[in-house]
Protein backbone atom coordinates (compact mmCIF):
# COMPACT_ATOMS: atom_id res chain seq x y z
CA MET A 1 -22.38 10.39 3.53
CA TYR A 2 -19.36 8.39 4.57
CA PHE A 3 -16.19 7.24 2.82
CA ILE A 4 -15.39 3.93 4.51
CA LYS A 5 -17.18 1.38 6.67
CA ILE A 6 -15.28 -1.56 8.14
CA ASN A 7 -17.33 -4.46 9.50
CA ASP A 8 -20.43 -2.17 9.41
CA ALA A 9 -18.76 0.55 11.51
CA VAL A 10 -18.47 3.96 9.83
CA LEU A 11 -14.91 5.29 10.15
CA PRO A 12 -14.17 8.97 10.76
CA THR A 13 -14.06 11.14 7.65
CA PRO A 14 -10.49 11.09 6.30
CA TYR A 15 -8.75 14.24 5.13
CA TYR A 16 -7.02 12.23 2.38
CA TYR A 17 -8.69 9.47 0.37
CA SER A 18 -7.26 7.94 -2.81
CA VAL A 19 -8.55 4.82 -4.57
CA THR A 20 -6.50 2.97 -7.19
CA SER A 21 -7.61 0.12 -9.44
CA ARG A 22 -4.97 -2.09 -10.98
CA ASP A 23 -4.85 -5.29 -12.96
CA ILE A 24 -2.90 -8.32 -11.84
CA GLU A 25 -0.98 -10.00 -14.62
CA SER A 26 0.66 -13.39 -14.83
CA SER A 27 4.42 -13.74 -14.61
CA ASP A 28 4.74 -14.23 -18.38
CA SER A 29 3.15 -10.84 -19.12
CA GLY A 30 5.08 -7.82 -20.27
CA ARG A 31 7.66 -9.79 -22.18
CA TYR A 32 8.71 -8.38 -25.50
CA ASP A 33 9.12 -10.75 -28.41
CA GLU A 34 11.40 -10.23 -31.40
CA THR A 35 8.85 -7.87 -32.99
CA GLY A 36 8.81 -5.57 -29.96
CA VAL A 37 5.23 -6.43 -28.99
CA VAL A 38 4.27 -6.60 -25.30
CA HIS A 39 2.22 -9.66 -24.37
CA ARG A 40 -0.21 -9.15 -21.52
CA ASN A 41 -1.94 -11.98 -19.67
CA ARG A 42 -4.36 -10.40 -17.21
CA VAL A 43 -5.48 -12.81 -14.47
CA ARG A 44 -7.55 -10.35 -12.42
CA HIS A 45 -9.12 -7.02 -13.31
CA SER A 46 -9.53 -3.90 -11.16
CA VAL A 47 -8.05 -4.85 -7.78
CA LYS A 48 -8.66 -1.93 -5.41
CA THR A 49 -6.25 -0.21 -3.06
CA CYS A 50 -7.23 2.76 -0.93
CA ASP A 51 -4.74 5.14 0.70
CA VAL A 52 -6.31 6.95 3.64
CA LYS A 53 -5.16 9.54 6.17
CA TRP A 54 -6.92 10.88 9.25
CA ARG A 55 -6.04 13.63 11.74
CA LEU A 56 -7.66 12.75 15.04
CA PRO A 57 -7.48 13.82 18.66
CA GLY A 58 -5.56 11.45 20.91
CA ASN A 59 -8.65 10.25 22.75
CA SER A 60 -10.31 8.89 19.56
CA LEU A 61 -7.48 6.67 18.26
CA SER A 62 -8.57 3.40 19.86
CA PRO A 63 -11.71 2.74 17.75
CA LEU A 64 -9.86 3.43 14.50
CA ASN A 65 -6.88 1.26 15.42
CA ALA A 66 -9.25 -1.54 16.48
CA ALA A 67 -11.12 -1.33 13.16
CA LEU A 68 -7.88 -1.59 11.17
CA GLY A 69 -6.39 -4.37 13.28
CA ASP A 70 -8.21 -7.45 11.97
CA THR A 71 -6.63 -9.76 9.40
CA LEU A 72 -9.72 -9.68 7.17
CA LEU A 73 -11.72 -6.46 6.86
CA GLU A 74 -15.19 -6.36 5.33
CA VAL A 75 -14.99 -2.93 3.70
CA ASN A 76 -17.76 -0.85 2.18
CA MET A 77 -16.11 2.13 0.48
CA LEU A 78 -16.89 4.96 -1.88
CA ASP A 79 -15.55 4.19 -5.35
CA PRO A 80 -14.78 7.45 -7.19
CA ALA A 81 -14.80 5.65 -10.56
CA THR A 82 -18.51 4.83 -10.23
CA GLY A 83 -19.65 7.36 -7.62
CA SER A 84 -21.21 4.53 -5.60
CA TYR A 85 -20.24 2.22 -2.78
CA ILE A 86 -18.55 -1.13 -3.31
CA ASP A 87 -17.95 -4.06 -0.98
CA CYS A 88 -14.44 -5.55 -0.74
CA GLU A 89 -12.54 -7.95 1.45
CA MET A 90 -9.35 -6.10 2.34
CA TYR A 91 -6.48 -5.87 4.77
CA ALA A 92 -4.67 -2.83 6.18
CA GLU A 93 -0.95 -2.49 5.55
CA SER A 94 1.61 0.17 6.42
CA ILE A 95 -0.42 1.54 9.32
CA ARG A 96 1.41 4.62 10.49
CA SER A 97 0.79 6.88 13.48
CA ASP A 98 2.48 10.28 13.59
CA PHE A 99 2.26 12.64 16.51
CA TYR A 100 0.95 15.90 15.14
CA GLN A 101 0.36 18.39 17.96
CA HIS A 102 0.30 18.57 21.72
CA GLN A 103 -1.25 21.32 23.76
CA ASN A 104 -2.01 21.73 27.44
CA ARG A 105 -0.45 18.33 28.21
CA SER A 106 -3.78 16.56 27.71
CA GLU A 107 -4.71 13.65 25.50
CA PRO A 108 -7.87 15.26 24.02
CA SER A 109 -5.84 18.24 22.82
CA SER A 110 -3.18 16.03 21.20
CA TRP A 111 -3.51 15.40 17.49
CA TRP A 112 -2.32 12.35 15.58
CA GLU A 113 -2.11 11.57 11.91
CA ILE A 114 -3.04 7.95 11.17
CA SER A 115 -2.46 6.60 7.67
CA CYS A 116 -2.68 3.23 5.99
CA ARG A 117 -3.24 1.44 2.71
CA LEU A 118 -6.24 -0.85 2.40
CA VAL A 119 -5.58 -3.64 -0.10
CA GLU A 120 -8.19 -5.91 -1.66
CA TYR A 121 -7.63 -9.65 -1.28
């Protein structure tokens, strides 16, 4: 089992994985009229975002960073709402790399936390 594949490459198992579905509404939505009623004009249903975090040794960062670096990502991801995999075209935003631990002055014993948000086009 895997959580995320990008361009057919299985990514390492994240320690944090959160999928959100949201609707996109037109600019005239959410306006109250004189009766106090909200008017909603949904233009797209169930746009996915996925917040992911990994803790990885320093010598395994390059493949993950390369996978997240493209402008358009073909993503196959586990959708918790259905319990199955879905295909999405996404991009990675807010890619963050935090140094986590360093031992013995060697790259393999260094740990990094990599996090990002994958957003559906």
